[in-house]
Amino acid sequence: MKKRIKISLFQRFLMKFAPKEFLRQAARKEGLDSKKVDSAMNLFKDAKRIDIQPLPSRSGRGFIITIDSKLSLFFYQNKDAFYFDGIEMGKYKKGDVSVFDKLDL
């Protein structure tokens, strides 16, 4: 049975009229520095295109997030989680946004 979460009227107000502030408060409540929420919003807010591409298995299991075909963020698997490994910049070819649809799980 799923746990029901109660949302106050103030939180509902924030969700509708100030979603960024709602996310900041939710992050703090979960013990996450709200600066991380701000950084993620700043990174993706003006993006016109976001591609996700798998890394070749010879490089280790991972994926690349490419923003606007110019900025790539690399993530590699370490046991049961992925870690951020670095950034590359340059013009990239179009990615396959349906890459995870092809995985056999």
N, C-alpha and C. Protein backbone atom coordinates (compact mmCIF):
# COMPACT_ATOMS: atom_id res chain seq x y z
N MET A 1 0.84 -1.18 0.00
CA MET A 1 0.00 0.00 0.00
C MET A 1 0.89 1.25 0.00
N LYS A 2 0.58 2.18 -0.88
CA LYS A 2 1.38 3.39 -0.99
C LYS A 2 1.08 4.34 0.16
N LYS A 3 2.12 5.02 0.61
CA LYS A 3 1.98 6.01 1.65
C LYS A 3 1.43 7.30 1.03
N ARG A 4 0.39 7.85 1.62
CA ARG A 4 -0.19 9.09 1.13
C ARG A 4 0.56 10.27 1.75
N ILE A 5 0.87 11.22 0.93
CA ILE A 5 1.58 12.40 1.38
C ILE A 5 0.58 13.55 1.49
N LYS A 6 0.57 14.21 2.64
CA LYS A 6 -0.32 15.35 2.83
C LYS A 6 0.42 16.62 2.41
N ILE A 7 -0.26 17.41 1.60
CA ILE A 7 0.31 18.66 1.12
C ILE A 7 -0.55 19.80 1.65
N SER A 8 0.08 20.72 2.34
CA SER A 8 -0.65 21.85 2.93
C SER A 8 -1.13 22.81 1.83
N LEU A 9 -2.06 23.67 2.22
CA LEU A 9 -2.55 24.67 1.27
C LEU A 9 -1.42 25.60 0.82
N PHE A 10 -0.52 25.94 1.75
CA PHE A 10 0.61 26.80 1.40
C PHE A 10 1.52 26.10 0.38
N GLN A 11 1.78 24.81 0.58
CA GLN A 11 2.61 24.07 -0.37
C GLN A 11 1.93 23.99 -1.73
N ARG A 12 0.63 23.79 -1.74
CA ARG A 12 -0.10 23.77 -3.01
C ARG A 12 0.00 25.11 -3.72
N PHE A 13 -0.10 26.19 -2.93
CA PHE A 13 0.05 27.53 -3.49
C PHE A 13 1.42 27.69 -4.13
N LEU A 14 2.47 27.27 -3.40
CA LEU A 14 3.82 27.36 -3.94
C LEU A 14 3.97 26.51 -5.21
N MET A 15 3.41 25.31 -5.20
CA MET A 15 3.53 24.44 -6.37
C MET A 15 2.95 25.12 -7.61
N LYS A 16 1.85 25.84 -7.43
CA LYS A 16 1.19 26.46 -8.57
C LYS A 16 1.84 27.78 -8.99
N PHE A 17 2.16 28.63 -8.00
CA PHE A 17 2.59 29.98 -8.32
C PHE A 17 4.09 30.23 -8.15
N ALA A 18 4.78 29.37 -7.43
CA ALA A 18 6.22 29.54 -7.23
C ALA A 18 6.89 28.16 -7.17
N PRO A 19 6.85 27.41 -8.29
CA PRO A 19 7.36 26.03 -8.27
C PRO A 19 8.83 25.91 -7.89
N LYS A 20 9.64 26.89 -8.25
CA LYS A 20 11.06 26.82 -7.89
C LYS A 20 11.24 26.90 -6.37
N GLU A 21 10.49 27.78 -5.73
CA GLU A 21 10.58 27.90 -4.28
C GLU A 21 10.06 26.62 -3.61
N PHE A 22 9.00 26.04 -4.18
CA PHE A 22 8.49 24.77 -3.65
C PHE A 22 9.58 23.70 -3.71
N LEU A 23 10.28 23.61 -4.83
CA LEU A 23 11.34 22.61 -4.97
C LEU A 23 12.49 22.87 -3.99
N ARG A 24 12.83 24.14 -3.78
CA ARG A 24 13.88 24.47 -2.81
C ARG A 24 13.48 24.01 -1.40
N GLN A 25 12.24 24.30 -1.02
CA GLN A 25 11.76 23.89 0.30
C GLN A 25 11.70 22.38 0.43
N ALA A 26 11.25 21.70 -0.61
CA ALA A 26 11.18 20.23 -0.59
C ALA A 26 12.58 19.64 -0.45
N ALA A 27 13.56 20.24 -1.13
CA ALA A 27 14.94 19.76 -1.04
C ALA A 27 15.45 19.91 0.39
N ARG A 28 15.24 21.08 0.99
CA ARG A 28 15.69 21.29 2.37
C ARG A 28 15.03 20.30 3.31
N LYS A 29 13.75 20.04 3.11
CA LYS A 29 13.01 19.10 3.96
C LYS A 29 13.60 17.69 3.84
N GLU A 30 14.11 17.35 2.67
CA GLU A 30 14.70 16.03 2.44
C GLU A 30 16.19 15.99 2.81
N GLY A 31 16.71 17.09 3.31
CA GLY A 31 18.12 17.13 3.72
C GLY A 31 19.09 17.39 2.58
N LEU A 32 18.58 17.91 1.48
CA LEU A 32 19.41 18.22 0.30
C LEU A 32 19.65 19.72 0.25
N ASP A 33 20.86 20.12 -0.04
CA ASP A 33 21.18 21.53 -0.16
C ASP A 33 20.38 22.12 -1.33
N SER A 34 19.59 23.14 -1.07
CA SER A 34 18.75 23.71 -2.11
C SER A 34 19.58 24.34 -3.23
N LYS A 35 20.87 24.59 -3.00
CA LYS A 35 21.74 25.10 -4.07
C LYS A 35 21.86 24.10 -5.21
N LYS A 36 21.74 22.80 -4.90
CA LYS A 36 21.79 21.78 -5.95
C LYS A 36 20.57 21.89 -6.85
N VAL A 37 19.41 22.19 -6.27
CA VAL A 37 18.19 22.38 -7.06
C VAL A 37 18.37 23.60 -7.96
N ASP A 38 18.90 24.69 -7.40
CA ASP A 38 19.14 25.90 -8.19
C ASP A 38 20.11 25.63 -9.33
N SER A 39 21.18 24.89 -9.05
CA SER A 39 22.17 24.57 -10.08
C SER A 39 21.55 23.75 -11.21
N ALA A 40 20.74 22.75 -10.86
CA ALA A 40 20.10 21.93 -11.88
C ALA A 40 19.14 22.77 -12.73
N MET A 41 18.38 23.63 -12.08
CA MET A 41 17.46 24.49 -12.83
C MET A 41 18.22 25.43 -13.76
N ASN A 42 19.32 25.99 -13.28
CA ASN A 42 20.11 26.89 -14.12
C ASN A 42 20.75 26.17 -15.30
N LEU A 43 21.18 24.93 -15.08
CA LEU A 43 21.82 24.16 -16.14
C LEU A 43 20.85 23.85 -17.27
N PHE A 44 19.62 23.49 -16.93
CA PHE A 44 18.68 23.00 -17.94
C PHE A 44 17.62 24.01 -18.37
N LYS A 45 17.51 25.17 -17.71
CA LYS A 45 16.38 26.07 -17.97
C LYS A 45 16.30 26.60 -19.40
N ASP A 46 17.41 26.87 -20.04
CA ASP A 46 17.39 27.42 -21.40
C ASP A 46 17.70 26.38 -22.47
N ALA A 47 17.81 25.13 -22.08
CA ALA A 47 18.17 24.08 -23.03
C ALA A 47 17.05 23.87 -24.05
N LYS A 48 17.43 23.84 -25.30
CA LYS A 48 16.45 23.59 -26.36
C LYS A 48 16.42 22.11 -26.74
N ARG A 49 17.52 21.40 -26.43
CA ARG A 49 17.62 20.00 -26.79
C ARG A 49 18.49 19.29 -25.76
N ILE A 50 18.00 18.14 -25.27
CA ILE A 50 18.76 17.31 -24.34
C ILE A 50 18.76 15.89 -24.89
N ASP A 51 19.96 15.35 -25.12
CA ASP A 51 20.11 13.99 -25.64
C ASP A 51 20.76 13.12 -24.57
N ILE A 52 20.36 11.86 -24.53
CA ILE A 52 20.99 10.87 -23.65
C ILE A 52 21.54 9.76 -24.54
N GLN A 53 22.83 9.48 -24.38
CA GLN A 53 23.47 8.45 -25.19
C GLN A 53 24.21 7.48 -24.29
N PRO A 54 24.14 6.19 -24.59
CA PRO A 54 24.90 5.22 -23.78
C PRO A 54 26.38 5.31 -24.13
N LEU A 55 27.22 5.00 -23.18
CA LEU A 55 28.65 4.91 -23.45
C LEU A 55 28.97 3.51 -23.93
N PRO A 56 29.94 3.35 -24.83
CA PRO A 56 30.32 2.01 -25.28
C PRO A 56 30.75 1.16 -24.10
N SER A 57 30.42 -0.11 -24.11
CA SER A 57 30.72 -0.98 -22.97
C SER A 57 32.22 -1.07 -22.69
N ARG A 58 33.06 -0.87 -23.69
CA ARG A 58 34.51 -0.93 -23.45
C ARG A 58 34.97 0.20 -22.53
N SER A 59 34.16 1.27 -22.44
CA SER A 59 34.49 2.39 -21.56
C SER A 59 33.93 2.19 -20.15
N GLY A 60 33.19 1.14 -19.94
CA GLY A 60 32.47 0.95 -18.68
C GLY A 60 31.03 1.35 -18.88
N ARG A 61 30.18 0.88 -18.03
CA ARG A 61 28.76 1.17 -18.17
C ARG A 61 28.51 2.62 -17.77
N GLY A 62 27.78 3.35 -18.63
CA GLY A 62 27.50 4.73 -18.35
C GLY A 62 26.67 5.37 -19.44
N PHE A 63 26.53 6.67 -19.33
CA PHE A 63 25.77 7.42 -20.33
C PHE A 63 26.27 8.85 -20.38
N ILE A 64 25.88 9.54 -21.45
CA ILE A 64 26.26 10.93 -21.66
C ILE A 64 24.97 11.73 -21.82
N ILE A 65 24.88 12.84 -21.12
CA ILE A 65 23.79 13.79 -21.34
C ILE A 65 24.40 14.94 -22.12
N THR A 66 23.83 15.23 -23.30
CA THR A 66 24.32 16.31 -24.14
C THR A 66 23.26 17.40 -24.21
N ILE A 67 23.67 18.62 -23.90
CA ILE A 67 22.75 19.75 -23.87
C ILE A 67 23.01 20.63 -25.09
N ASP A 68 21.95 20.84 -25.87
CA ASP A 68 22.00 21.69 -27.08
C ASP A 68 23.13 21.31 -28.03
N SER A 69 23.45 20.04 -28.09
CA SER A 69 24.48 19.50 -29.00
C SER A 69 25.85 20.14 -28.82
N LYS A 70 26.11 20.72 -27.63
CA LYS A 70 27.38 21.41 -27.42
C LYS A 70 28.07 21.06 -26.10
N LEU A 71 27.32 20.72 -25.07
CA LEU A 71 27.89 20.44 -23.76
C LEU A 71 27.52 19.02 -23.36
N SER A 72 28.52 18.19 -23.07
CA SER A 72 28.27 16.80 -22.70
C SER A 72 28.72 16.54 -21.27
N LEU A 73 27.87 15.87 -20.51
CA LEU A 73 28.15 15.48 -19.13
C LEU A 73 28.25 13.96 -19.10
N PHE A 74 29.35 13.44 -18.56
CA PHE A 74 29.61 12.00 -18.55
C PHE A 74 29.31 11.40 -17.18
N PHE A 75 28.62 10.25 -17.19
CA PHE A 75 28.30 9.53 -15.96
C PHE A 75 28.69 8.06 -16.14
N TYR A 76 29.37 7.51 -15.14
CA TYR A 76 29.77 6.10 -15.17
C TYR A 76 29.18 5.37 -13.98
N GLN A 77 28.95 4.06 -14.17
CA GLN A 77 28.38 3.27 -13.08
C GLN A 77 29.48 2.82 -12.12
N ASN A 78 29.17 2.94 -10.84
CA ASN A 78 30.02 2.44 -9.77
C ASN A 78 29.10 1.66 -8.84
N LYS A 79 29.13 0.34 -8.97
CA LYS A 79 28.25 -0.56 -8.22
C LYS A 79 26.80 -0.24 -8.54
N ASP A 80 26.01 0.25 -7.56
CA ASP A 80 24.58 0.45 -7.80
C ASP A 80 24.21 1.90 -8.06
N ALA A 81 25.18 2.75 -8.41
CA ALA A 81 24.89 4.16 -8.67
C ALA A 81 25.79 4.68 -9.78
N PHE A 82 25.39 5.81 -10.35
CA PHE A 82 26.20 6.47 -11.36
C PHE A 82 26.88 7.67 -10.73
N TYR A 83 28.09 7.98 -11.17
CA TYR A 83 28.78 9.15 -10.67
C TYR A 83 29.16 10.05 -11.84
N PHE A 84 29.20 11.33 -11.58
CA PHE A 84 29.57 12.33 -12.58
C PHE A 84 31.07 12.24 -12.81
N ASP A 85 31.49 12.16 -14.08
CA ASP A 85 32.90 11.98 -14.37
C ASP A 85 33.55 13.15 -15.10
N GLY A 86 32.76 14.00 -15.71
CA GLY A 86 33.40 15.13 -16.40
C GLY A 86 32.53 15.75 -17.47
N ILE A 87 33.12 16.74 -18.12
CA ILE A 87 32.43 17.56 -19.12
C ILE A 87 33.29 17.64 -20.37
N GLU A 88 32.63 17.65 -21.51
CA GLU A 88 33.29 17.97 -22.78
C GLU A 88 32.44 19.01 -23.49
N MET A 89 33.08 19.86 -24.27
CA MET A 89 32.38 20.87 -25.04
C MET A 89 32.77 20.78 -26.49
N GLY A 90 31.82 21.06 -27.35
CA GLY A 90 32.05 21.02 -28.78
C GLY A 90 30.75 20.70 -29.49
N LYS A 91 30.74 20.72 -30.79
CA LYS A 91 29.54 20.44 -31.57
C LYS A 91 29.38 18.93 -31.69
N TYR A 92 28.23 18.40 -31.29
CA TYR A 92 27.97 16.97 -31.34
C TYR A 92 26.86 16.67 -32.32
N LYS A 93 26.89 15.45 -32.87
CA LYS A 93 25.81 15.03 -33.76
C LYS A 93 24.56 14.75 -32.92
N LYS A 94 23.44 14.67 -33.60
CA LYS A 94 22.18 14.43 -32.91
C LYS A 94 22.21 13.08 -32.21
N GLY A 95 21.63 13.04 -31.02
CA GLY A 95 21.60 11.82 -30.23
C GLY A 95 20.33 11.04 -30.44
N ASP A 96 20.29 9.87 -29.86
CA ASP A 96 19.13 9.00 -29.95
C ASP A 96 18.36 9.13 -28.63
N VAL A 97 17.30 9.93 -28.64
CA VAL A 97 16.57 10.19 -27.41
C VAL A 97 15.73 9.00 -26.94
N SER A 98 15.63 7.97 -27.76
CA SER A 98 14.88 6.78 -27.37
C SER A 98 15.81 5.63 -26.98
N VAL A 99 17.05 5.96 -26.59
CA VAL A 99 18.07 4.94 -26.33
C VAL A 99 17.62 3.96 -25.26
N PHE A 100 16.93 4.42 -24.21
CA PHE A 100 16.55 3.52 -23.12
C PHE A 100 15.36 2.65 -23.50
N ASP A 101 14.65 2.98 -24.58
CA ASP A 101 13.53 2.15 -25.03
C ASP A 101 14.02 0.82 -25.57
N LYS A 102 15.29 0.71 -25.93
CA LYS A 102 15.84 -0.48 -26.57
C LYS A 102 16.49 -1.44 -25.58
N LEU A 103 16.57 -1.08 -24.30
CA LEU A 103 17.21 -1.93 -23.32
C LEU A 103 16.35 -3.14 -22.96
N ASP A 104 16.97 -4.28 -22.82
CA ASP A 104 16.26 -5.48 -22.34
C ASP A 104 16.53 -5.60 -20.85
N LEU A 105 15.52 -5.43 -20.06
CA LEU A 105 15.68 -5.53 -18.61
C LEU A 105 15.00 -6.77 -18.08
